[in-house]
């Protein structure tokens, strides 16, 4: 039991000094994940612009599959989709509850400062 206490004490002293005690060597790349690579390549293909042609007017333009899918939505669905996607790009703001009631409006600034300073009116 004594050796366990000594080992834990020295380990905590080493860790407290900020010394690295294990893990990967600095600069070691992450392990490749084939599923992650497939998903990444599929996503890049979905967002990559491709040459297209409007069948009604014959006008050629470039657009990704994502842009074409968004354009196919009804306007209200398009706005809802854009708002849902915006959550991934902007931090969500926290709701703040504030009490905006004003009390003692009859007092002047000098009276309030005197009150905060602890001065009495009996001078």
Protein backbone atom coordinates (compact mmCIF):
# COMPACT_ATOMS: atom_id res chain seq x y z
CA UNK A 1 0.00 0.00 0.00
CA UNK A 2 2.91 2.34 0.72
CA UNK A 3 4.31 2.04 -2.83
CA UNK A 4 0.90 2.95 -4.30
CA UNK A 5 0.81 6.21 -2.33
CA UNK A 6 4.36 7.10 -3.39
CA UNK A 7 3.61 6.32 -7.08
CA UNK A 8 0.41 8.40 -7.08
CA UNK A 9 2.15 11.28 -5.34
CA UNK A 10 5.04 11.38 -7.82
CA UNK A 11 2.66 10.99 -10.78
CA UNK A 12 0.53 13.90 -9.59
CA UNK A 13 3.67 16.01 -9.09
CA UNK A 14 4.82 15.28 -12.65
CA UNK A 15 1.38 16.07 -14.05
CA UNK A 16 1.20 19.28 -11.99
CA UNK A 17 4.42 20.48 -13.62
CA UNK A 18 2.83 20.05 -17.06
CA UNK A 19 4.99 17.14 -18.19
CA UNK A 20 3.47 14.71 -20.66
CA UNK A 21 3.16 11.21 -19.23
CA UNK A 22 1.87 9.22 -22.21
CA UNK A 23 -0.28 9.23 -25.31
CA UNK A 24 0.63 9.78 -28.96
CA UNK A 25 3.86 11.41 -30.03
CA UNK A 26 3.38 15.01 -31.13
CA UNK A 27 2.65 15.28 -34.86
CA UNK A 28 1.20 11.77 -35.26
CA UNK A 29 -1.68 11.96 -37.78
CA UNK A 30 -5.13 10.66 -36.93
CA UNK A 31 -6.02 7.14 -38.00
CA UNK A 32 -7.71 6.99 -41.42
CA UNK A 33 -11.37 6.09 -41.38
CA UNK A 34 -12.69 4.76 -44.73
CA UNK A 35 -16.32 5.66 -43.92
CA UNK A 36 -15.32 9.22 -43.05
CA UNK A 37 -13.43 9.51 -46.35
CA UNK A 38 -16.44 8.24 -48.30
CA UNK A 39 -18.80 10.67 -46.60
CA UNK A 40 -16.39 13.57 -47.16
CA UNK A 41 -16.00 12.80 -50.88
CA UNK A 42 -19.77 12.40 -51.28
CA UNK A 43 -20.39 15.72 -49.54
CA UNK A 44 -17.79 17.50 -51.66
CA UNK A 45 -19.46 16.16 -54.80
CA UNK A 46 -22.87 17.35 -53.58
CA UNK A 47 -21.65 20.91 -53.02
CA UNK A 48 -19.33 21.16 -56.05
CA UNK A 49 -20.70 23.31 -58.93
CA UNK A 50 -21.35 21.47 -62.20
CA UNK A 51 -22.24 22.81 -65.64
CA UNK A 52 -26.00 22.65 -66.24
CA UNK A 53 -28.48 23.73 -68.87
CA UNK A 54 -31.97 25.12 -68.40
CA UNK A 55 -34.21 22.95 -70.57
CA UNK A 56 -36.83 25.67 -71.07
CA UNK A 57 -34.56 28.56 -72.08
CA UNK A 58 -31.40 26.71 -73.14
CA UNK A 59 -29.26 28.96 -70.89
CA UNK A 60 -26.13 27.26 -69.52
CA UNK A 61 -25.08 27.89 -65.92
CA UNK A 62 -23.12 26.31 -63.06
CA UNK A 63 -24.82 25.06 -59.92
CA UNK A 64 -24.26 22.34 -57.35
CA UNK A 65 -26.74 19.59 -56.55
CA UNK A 66 -27.35 21.37 -53.23
CA UNK A 67 -28.30 24.62 -55.00
CA UNK A 68 -30.62 22.75 -57.34
CA UNK A 69 -32.32 21.01 -54.41
CA UNK A 70 -32.76 24.33 -52.60
CA UNK A 71 -34.24 25.95 -55.71
CA UNK A 72 -36.72 23.07 -56.07
CA UNK A 73 -38.21 23.85 -52.63
CA UNK A 74 -41.18 26.13 -52.08
CA UNK A 75 -40.15 29.58 -50.78
CA UNK A 76 -41.31 28.93 -47.20
CA UNK A 77 -39.54 25.54 -47.12
CA UNK A 78 -36.41 27.18 -48.55
CA UNK A 79 -36.37 29.75 -45.74
CA UNK A 80 -36.89 27.03 -43.13
CA UNK A 81 -34.01 24.98 -44.59
CA UNK A 82 -31.71 28.02 -44.65
CA UNK A 83 -32.53 28.80 -41.02
CA UNK A 84 -31.79 25.21 -39.99
CA UNK A 85 -28.48 25.29 -41.86
CA UNK A 86 -27.57 28.63 -40.31
CA UNK A 87 -27.38 26.94 -36.88
CA UNK A 88 -24.21 25.16 -38.07
CA UNK A 89 -22.48 28.43 -39.01
CA UNK A 90 -23.47 30.86 -36.26
CA UNK A 91 -23.43 30.40 -32.49
CA UNK A 92 -26.83 30.29 -30.87
CA UNK A 93 -27.55 33.27 -28.65
CA UNK A 94 -28.63 32.58 -25.09
CA UNK A 95 -31.86 34.04 -23.81
CA UNK A 96 -31.33 36.67 -21.13
CA UNK A 97 -33.95 37.55 -18.56
CA UNK A 98 -33.58 41.16 -17.46
CA UNK A 99 -35.57 43.17 -14.96
CA UNK A 100 -36.04 46.61 -16.51
CA UNK A 101 -38.21 48.10 -13.77
CA UNK A 102 -37.06 51.46 -12.49
CA UNK A 103 -37.63 52.27 -8.85
CA UNK A 104 -37.18 55.47 -6.87
CA UNK A 105 -37.48 57.74 -9.87
CA UNK A 106 -38.10 60.80 -7.69
CA UNK A 107 -34.50 60.87 -6.41
CA UNK A 108 -31.86 62.93 -8.14
CA UNK A 109 -28.44 61.58 -9.06
CA UNK A 110 -26.85 63.48 -6.16
CA UNK A 111 -29.31 61.93 -3.70
CA UNK A 112 -28.66 58.44 -5.04
CA UNK A 113 -24.87 58.92 -4.91
CA UNK A 114 -25.10 60.21 -1.36
CA UNK A 115 -27.21 57.20 -0.43
CA UNK A 116 -24.71 54.81 -2.03
CA UNK A 117 -21.82 56.56 -0.28
CA UNK A 118 -23.59 56.10 3.06
CA UNK A 119 -23.96 59.80 3.82
CA UNK A 120 -26.82 60.84 6.07
CA UNK A 121 -29.21 63.72 5.34
CA UNK A 122 -28.90 64.93 8.94
CA UNK A 123 -26.04 67.33 8.19
